[in-house]
Amino acid sequence: MECIDSSDRGHVALAHISGLAGYLVPLGGVIAPVVMMVLAEQNSQAKRAAKQALALNVFVFLLSALLVLSALTIVMIPVAIVMGSLLGLCAVGLPIYGLVQALSGHFCRYPFVGSFAD
């Protein structure tokens, strides 16, 4: 794991938790990470964390749309319910995990979207 400079810890933590802004403000999960990317320095870890938060929100949106479409068939309804529950837990849990890791000084990459966002 990468270490975060003590001066960047707050910014990286804010970038991770900015992905949850969509639960408070419509489109906040997209707007807040974009604002963090614009305000962050060029090659800072906060910018990388904001990219990951944005990529996670896009990934969750696309998978949610796929689950809604798959639930239209009778056979896939139970699968869509289980997968939707797991997706919801990941959508809330991963930013919180990233926040805790950032505050402890470790840079966290989200599974699946971490390498895509970098």
N, C-alpha and C. Protein backbone atom coordinates (compact mmCIF):
# COMPACT_ATOMS: atom_id res chain seq x y z
N MET A 1 0.83 -1.20 0.00
CA MET A 1 0.00 0.00 0.00
C MET A 1 0.87 1.25 0.00
N GLU A 2 0.41 2.23 -0.72
CA GLU A 2 1.10 3.51 -0.75
C GLU A 2 0.80 4.28 0.52
N CYS A 3 1.76 5.06 0.95
CA CYS A 3 1.54 5.93 2.10
C CYS A 3 1.13 7.32 1.60
N ILE A 4 0.30 7.97 2.40
CA ILE A 4 -0.18 9.31 2.06
C ILE A 4 0.56 10.32 2.94
N ASP A 5 1.00 11.41 2.35
CA ASP A 5 1.62 12.47 3.13
C ASP A 5 0.63 13.00 4.15
N SER A 6 1.14 13.42 5.29
CA SER A 6 0.24 13.91 6.34
C SER A 6 -0.52 15.15 5.90
N SER A 7 0.05 15.93 4.99
CA SER A 7 -0.65 17.13 4.51
C SER A 7 -1.79 16.79 3.55
N ASP A 8 -1.73 15.62 2.91
CA ASP A 8 -2.76 15.22 1.94
C ASP A 8 -3.85 14.33 2.52
N ARG A 9 -3.69 13.86 3.74
CA ARG A 9 -4.64 12.89 4.30
C ARG A 9 -6.07 13.41 4.30
N GLY A 10 -6.27 14.63 4.71
CA GLY A 10 -7.61 15.19 4.75
C GLY A 10 -8.23 15.33 3.37
N HIS A 11 -7.43 15.72 2.41
CA HIS A 11 -7.93 15.88 1.04
C HIS A 11 -8.28 14.54 0.43
N VAL A 12 -7.45 13.52 0.67
CA VAL A 12 -7.72 12.19 0.13
C VAL A 12 -8.96 11.61 0.80
N ALA A 13 -9.09 11.80 2.11
CA ALA A 13 -10.27 11.31 2.82
C ALA A 13 -11.53 11.99 2.29
N LEU A 14 -11.47 13.29 2.06
CA LEU A 14 -12.61 14.02 1.52
C LEU A 14 -12.94 13.54 0.10
N ALA A 15 -11.92 13.23 -0.68
CA ALA A 15 -12.16 12.73 -2.04
C ALA A 15 -12.86 11.38 -2.00
N HIS A 16 -12.46 10.50 -1.08
CA HIS A 16 -13.11 9.20 -0.98
C HIS A 16 -14.57 9.35 -0.56
N ILE A 17 -14.83 10.18 0.42
CA ILE A 17 -16.19 10.31 0.95
C ILE A 17 -17.07 11.16 0.04
N SER A 18 -16.46 11.90 -0.90
CA SER A 18 -17.25 12.73 -1.81
C SER A 18 -18.15 11.88 -2.70
N GLY A 19 -17.80 10.62 -2.90
CA GLY A 19 -18.64 9.74 -3.70
C GLY A 19 -19.99 9.48 -3.07
N LEU A 20 -20.09 9.65 -1.75
CA LEU A 20 -21.36 9.43 -1.07
C LEU A 20 -22.25 10.67 -1.09
N ALA A 21 -21.80 11.75 -1.67
CA ALA A 21 -22.60 12.98 -1.72
C ALA A 21 -23.88 12.79 -2.51
N GLY A 22 -23.93 11.79 -3.36
CA GLY A 22 -25.13 11.53 -4.15
C GLY A 22 -26.31 11.09 -3.31
N TYR A 23 -26.06 10.63 -2.10
CA TYR A 23 -27.15 10.24 -1.21
C TYR A 23 -27.77 11.45 -0.52
N LEU A 24 -27.09 12.60 -0.58
CA LEU A 24 -27.60 13.82 0.04
C LEU A 24 -28.13 14.82 -0.98
N VAL A 25 -27.46 14.92 -2.12
CA VAL A 25 -27.79 15.90 -3.15
C VAL A 25 -27.90 15.16 -4.48
N PRO A 26 -28.93 15.41 -5.26
CA PRO A 26 -29.01 14.76 -6.57
C PRO A 26 -27.76 15.07 -7.41
N LEU A 27 -27.20 14.06 -8.01
CA LEU A 27 -25.96 14.12 -8.80
C LEU A 27 -24.74 14.53 -7.99
N GLY A 28 -24.87 14.55 -6.68
CA GLY A 28 -23.74 14.92 -5.83
C GLY A 28 -22.60 13.93 -5.91
N GLY A 29 -22.90 12.66 -6.17
CA GLY A 29 -21.87 11.64 -6.29
C GLY A 29 -21.02 11.81 -7.53
N VAL A 30 -21.48 12.62 -8.47
CA VAL A 30 -20.69 12.91 -9.68
C VAL A 30 -20.07 14.29 -9.57
N ILE A 31 -20.84 15.25 -9.08
CA ILE A 31 -20.36 16.64 -9.02
C ILE A 31 -19.23 16.80 -8.00
N ALA A 32 -19.38 16.21 -6.82
CA ALA A 32 -18.36 16.38 -5.77
C ALA A 32 -17.00 15.82 -6.18
N PRO A 33 -16.91 14.59 -6.74
CA PRO A 33 -15.58 14.14 -7.18
C PRO A 33 -15.00 14.97 -8.32
N VAL A 34 -15.85 15.46 -9.22
CA VAL A 34 -15.34 16.30 -10.31
C VAL A 34 -14.77 17.60 -9.75
N VAL A 35 -15.46 18.20 -8.78
CA VAL A 35 -14.96 19.42 -8.14
C VAL A 35 -13.63 19.13 -7.44
N MET A 36 -13.54 17.98 -6.77
CA MET A 36 -12.29 17.60 -6.10
C MET A 36 -11.15 17.44 -7.11
N MET A 37 -11.46 16.86 -8.28
CA MET A 37 -10.42 16.69 -9.30
C MET A 37 -9.95 18.04 -9.85
N VAL A 38 -10.88 18.97 -10.00
CA VAL A 38 -10.52 20.29 -10.54
C VAL A 38 -9.69 21.07 -9.52
N LEU A 39 -10.06 20.97 -8.24
CA LEU A 39 -9.37 21.75 -7.21
C LEU A 39 -8.05 21.12 -6.76
N ALA A 40 -7.87 19.83 -6.97
CA ALA A 40 -6.64 19.16 -6.52
C ALA A 40 -5.47 19.53 -7.42
N GLU A 41 -4.28 19.39 -6.86
CA GLU A 41 -3.07 19.65 -7.64
C GLU A 41 -2.91 18.60 -8.73
N GLN A 42 -2.02 18.85 -9.66
CA GLN A 42 -1.92 18.04 -10.88
C GLN A 42 -1.73 16.55 -10.60
N ASN A 43 -0.71 16.16 -9.88
CA ASN A 43 -0.43 14.74 -9.67
C ASN A 43 -0.64 14.33 -8.22
N SER A 44 -1.61 14.88 -7.56
CA SER A 44 -1.79 14.59 -6.14
C SER A 44 -2.59 13.30 -5.94
N GLN A 45 -2.45 12.76 -4.76
CA GLN A 45 -3.18 11.56 -4.41
C GLN A 45 -4.67 11.86 -4.24
N ALA A 46 -5.01 13.09 -3.89
CA ALA A 46 -6.42 13.46 -3.76
C ALA A 46 -7.11 13.40 -5.11
N LYS A 47 -6.41 13.79 -6.16
CA LYS A 47 -6.98 13.72 -7.51
C LYS A 47 -7.22 12.27 -7.91
N ARG A 48 -6.28 11.38 -7.58
CA ARG A 48 -6.45 9.96 -7.88
C ARG A 48 -7.62 9.37 -7.11
N ALA A 49 -7.78 9.77 -5.85
CA ALA A 49 -8.89 9.27 -5.04
C ALA A 49 -10.22 9.78 -5.58
N ALA A 50 -10.26 11.02 -6.04
CA ALA A 50 -11.50 11.57 -6.61
C ALA A 50 -11.85 10.85 -7.91
N LYS A 51 -10.84 10.51 -8.72
CA LYS A 51 -11.10 9.74 -9.94
C LYS A 51 -11.69 8.38 -9.61
N GLN A 52 -11.17 7.76 -8.55
CA GLN A 52 -11.70 6.45 -8.15
C GLN A 52 -13.14 6.58 -7.65
N ALA A 53 -13.44 7.63 -6.89
CA ALA A 53 -14.80 7.82 -6.40
C ALA A 53 -15.76 8.04 -7.56
N LEU A 54 -15.35 8.81 -8.54
CA LEU A 54 -16.19 9.03 -9.72
C LEU A 54 -16.37 7.74 -10.51
N ALA A 55 -15.29 7.00 -10.70
CA ALA A 55 -15.38 5.73 -11.44
C ALA A 55 -16.27 4.73 -10.70
N LEU A 56 -16.19 4.71 -9.37
CA LEU A 56 -17.05 3.81 -8.60
C LEU A 56 -18.51 4.17 -8.78
N ASN A 57 -18.83 5.46 -8.77
CA ASN A 57 -20.23 5.88 -8.95
C ASN A 57 -20.74 5.54 -10.34
N VAL A 58 -19.92 5.71 -11.36
CA VAL A 58 -20.32 5.34 -12.72
C VAL A 58 -20.52 3.83 -12.82
N PHE A 59 -19.60 3.07 -12.22
CA PHE A 59 -19.68 1.61 -12.22
C PHE A 59 -20.95 1.14 -11.51
N VAL A 60 -21.28 1.73 -10.37
CA VAL A 60 -22.49 1.36 -9.63
C VAL A 60 -23.73 1.71 -10.44
N PHE A 61 -23.74 2.87 -11.10
CA PHE A 61 -24.88 3.25 -11.92
C PHE A 61 -25.11 2.27 -13.06
N LEU A 62 -24.02 1.91 -13.75
CA LEU A 62 -24.16 0.98 -14.88
C LEU A 62 -24.61 -0.40 -14.42
N LEU A 63 -24.05 -0.88 -13.32
CA LEU A 63 -24.49 -2.19 -12.82
C LEU A 63 -25.93 -2.15 -12.32
N SER A 64 -26.34 -1.03 -11.73
CA SER A 64 -27.73 -0.90 -11.29
C SER A 64 -28.68 -0.94 -12.48
N ALA A 65 -28.32 -0.26 -13.55
CA ALA A 65 -29.16 -0.30 -14.75
C ALA A 65 -29.23 -1.70 -15.32
N LEU A 66 -28.12 -2.41 -15.30
CA LEU A 66 -28.09 -3.79 -15.77
C LEU A 66 -28.96 -4.70 -14.90
N LEU A 67 -28.93 -4.48 -13.59
CA LEU A 67 -29.75 -5.28 -12.69
C LEU A 67 -31.24 -5.00 -12.89
N VAL A 68 -31.59 -3.76 -13.14
CA VAL A 68 -33.00 -3.43 -13.40
C VAL A 68 -33.47 -4.12 -14.67
N LEU A 69 -32.63 -4.09 -15.68
CA LEU A 69 -33.00 -4.76 -16.94
C LEU A 69 -33.09 -6.27 -16.77
N SER A 70 -32.20 -6.84 -15.98
CA SER A 70 -32.25 -8.29 -15.79
C SER A 70 -33.43 -8.70 -14.91
N ALA A 71 -33.90 -7.80 -14.06
CA ALA A 71 -35.05 -8.12 -13.20
C ALA A 71 -36.35 -8.14 -13.99
N LEU A 72 -36.32 -7.70 -15.23
CA LEU A 72 -37.53 -7.72 -16.05
C LEU A 72 -37.92 -9.14 -16.44
N THR A 73 -37.00 -10.07 -16.33
CA THR A 73 -37.35 -11.47 -16.59
C THR A 73 -37.64 -12.15 -15.26
N ILE A 74 -38.63 -13.01 -15.24
CA ILE A 74 -39.06 -13.68 -14.01
C ILE A 74 -37.92 -14.48 -13.38
N VAL A 75 -37.13 -15.14 -14.19
CA VAL A 75 -36.08 -16.02 -13.68
C VAL A 75 -34.99 -15.23 -12.96
N MET A 76 -34.70 -14.02 -13.41
CA MET A 76 -33.57 -13.25 -12.88
C MET A 76 -33.92 -12.38 -11.68
N ILE A 77 -35.18 -12.34 -11.26
CA ILE A 77 -35.56 -11.48 -10.14
C ILE A 77 -34.79 -11.82 -8.87
N PRO A 78 -34.70 -13.09 -8.44
CA PRO A 78 -33.93 -13.37 -7.21
C PRO A 78 -32.44 -13.00 -7.34
N VAL A 79 -31.87 -13.24 -8.50
CA VAL A 79 -30.47 -12.89 -8.72
C VAL A 79 -30.29 -11.38 -8.65
N ALA A 80 -31.21 -10.64 -9.24
CA ALA A 80 -31.12 -9.18 -9.23
C ALA A 80 -31.26 -8.63 -7.81
N ILE A 81 -32.10 -9.26 -6.99
CA ILE A 81 -32.26 -8.80 -5.61
C ILE A 81 -30.98 -9.01 -4.82
N VAL A 82 -30.40 -10.20 -4.95
CA VAL A 82 -29.16 -10.49 -4.21
C VAL A 82 -28.01 -9.61 -4.70
N MET A 83 -27.85 -9.51 -6.01
CA MET A 83 -26.77 -8.70 -6.56
C MET A 83 -26.97 -7.21 -6.25
N GLY A 84 -28.21 -6.76 -6.26
CA GLY A 84 -28.49 -5.37 -5.92
C GLY A 84 -28.14 -5.05 -4.48
N SER A 85 -28.42 -6.01 -3.59
CA SER A 85 -28.06 -5.82 -2.18
C SER A 85 -26.55 -5.75 -2.00
N LEU A 86 -25.83 -6.64 -2.66
CA LEU A 86 -24.37 -6.62 -2.58
C LEU A 86 -23.79 -5.35 -3.20
N LEU A 87 -24.38 -4.91 -4.30
CA LEU A 87 -23.93 -3.69 -4.95
C LEU A 87 -24.14 -2.48 -4.04
N GLY A 88 -25.28 -2.44 -3.36
CA GLY A 88 -25.55 -1.35 -2.43
C GLY A 88 -24.57 -1.31 -1.27
N LEU A 89 -24.25 -2.49 -0.74
CA LEU A 89 -23.27 -2.56 0.34
C LEU A 89 -21.90 -2.08 -0.12
N CYS A 90 -21.52 -2.47 -1.31
CA CYS A 90 -20.22 -2.03 -1.85
C CYS A 90 -20.22 -0.53 -2.14
N ALA A 91 -21.33 -0.01 -2.63
CA ALA A 91 -21.40 1.42 -2.97
C ALA A 91 -21.27 2.30 -1.74
N VAL A 92 -21.71 1.81 -0.59
CA VAL A 92 -21.60 2.57 0.65
C VAL A 92 -20.32 2.20 1.40
N GLY A 93 -19.99 0.92 1.40
CA GLY A 93 -18.87 0.44 2.20
C GLY A 93 -17.50 0.82 1.66
N LEU A 94 -17.31 0.79 0.36
CA LEU A 94 -15.99 1.09 -0.20
C LEU A 94 -15.54 2.53 0.06
N PRO A 95 -16.40 3.54 -0.11
CA PRO A 95 -15.94 4.90 0.23
C PRO A 95 -15.62 5.06 1.72
N ILE A 96 -16.38 4.39 2.58
CA ILE A 96 -16.09 4.47 4.01
C ILE A 96 -14.76 3.78 4.32
N TYR A 97 -14.52 2.64 3.69
CA TYR A 97 -13.23 1.95 3.85
C TYR A 97 -12.09 2.83 3.35
N GLY A 98 -12.28 3.48 2.21
CA GLY A 98 -11.26 4.39 1.68
C GLY A 98 -11.00 5.56 2.62
N LEU A 99 -12.06 6.07 3.25
CA LEU A 99 -11.93 7.16 4.21
C LEU A 99 -11.08 6.73 5.40
N VAL A 100 -11.38 5.56 5.95
CA VAL A 100 -10.64 5.06 7.11
C VAL A 100 -9.17 4.82 6.75
N GLN A 101 -8.94 4.23 5.57
CA GLN A 101 -7.56 3.99 5.14
C GLN A 101 -6.81 5.31 4.93
N ALA A 102 -7.48 6.30 4.36
CA ALA A 102 -6.83 7.59 4.12
C ALA A 102 -6.47 8.29 5.42
N LEU A 103 -7.36 8.22 6.39
CA LEU A 103 -7.08 8.85 7.67
C LEU A 103 -5.97 8.14 8.44
N SER A 104 -5.78 6.85 8.15
CA SER A 104 -4.68 6.12 8.80
C SER A 104 -3.38 6.23 8.02
N GLY A 105 -3.40 6.90 6.87
CA GLY A 105 -2.18 7.17 6.12
C GLY A 105 -1.90 6.23 4.97
N HIS A 106 -2.85 5.37 4.60
CA HIS A 106 -2.66 4.42 3.51
C HIS A 106 -3.57 4.79 2.34
N PHE A 107 -3.02 4.74 1.13
CA PHE A 107 -3.82 5.02 -0.06
C PHE A 107 -4.55 3.75 -0.46
N CYS A 108 -5.85 3.84 -0.64
CA CYS A 108 -6.69 2.68 -0.94
C CYS A 108 -7.17 2.75 -2.38
N ARG A 109 -7.04 1.63 -3.09
CA ARG A 109 -7.59 1.53 -4.45
C ARG A 109 -8.82 0.64 -4.37
N TYR A 110 -9.91 1.09 -4.98
CA TYR A 110 -11.14 0.29 -4.99
C TYR A 110 -10.96 -0.93 -5.88
N PRO A 111 -11.52 -2.06 -5.48
CA PRO A 111 -11.46 -3.23 -6.37
C PRO A 111 -12.22 -2.96 -7.67
N PHE A 112 -11.77 -3.49 -8.74
CA PHE A 112 -12.36 -3.40 -10.08
C PHE A 112 -12.19 -2.02 -10.71
N VAL A 113 -12.46 -0.95 -10.00
CA VAL A 113 -12.38 0.38 -10.62
C VAL A 113 -11.06 1.08 -10.32
N GLY A 114 -10.28 0.58 -9.39
CA GLY A 114 -9.03 1.24 -9.03
C GLY A 114 -8.05 1.34 -10.17
N SER A 115 -7.85 0.24 -10.88
CA SER A 115 -6.90 0.26 -12.00
C SER A 115 -7.49 0.99 -13.21
N PHE A 116 -8.80 0.96 -13.35
CA PHE A 116 -9.46 1.66 -14.46
C PHE A 116 -9.34 3.18 -14.29
N ALA A 117 -9.43 3.66 -13.05
CA ALA A 117 -9.43 5.10 -12.79
C ALA A 117 -8.04 5.72 -12.84
N ASP A 118 -7.00 4.93 -12.64
CA ASP A 118 -5.64 5.49 -12.62
C ASP A 118 -5.10 5.76 -13.98
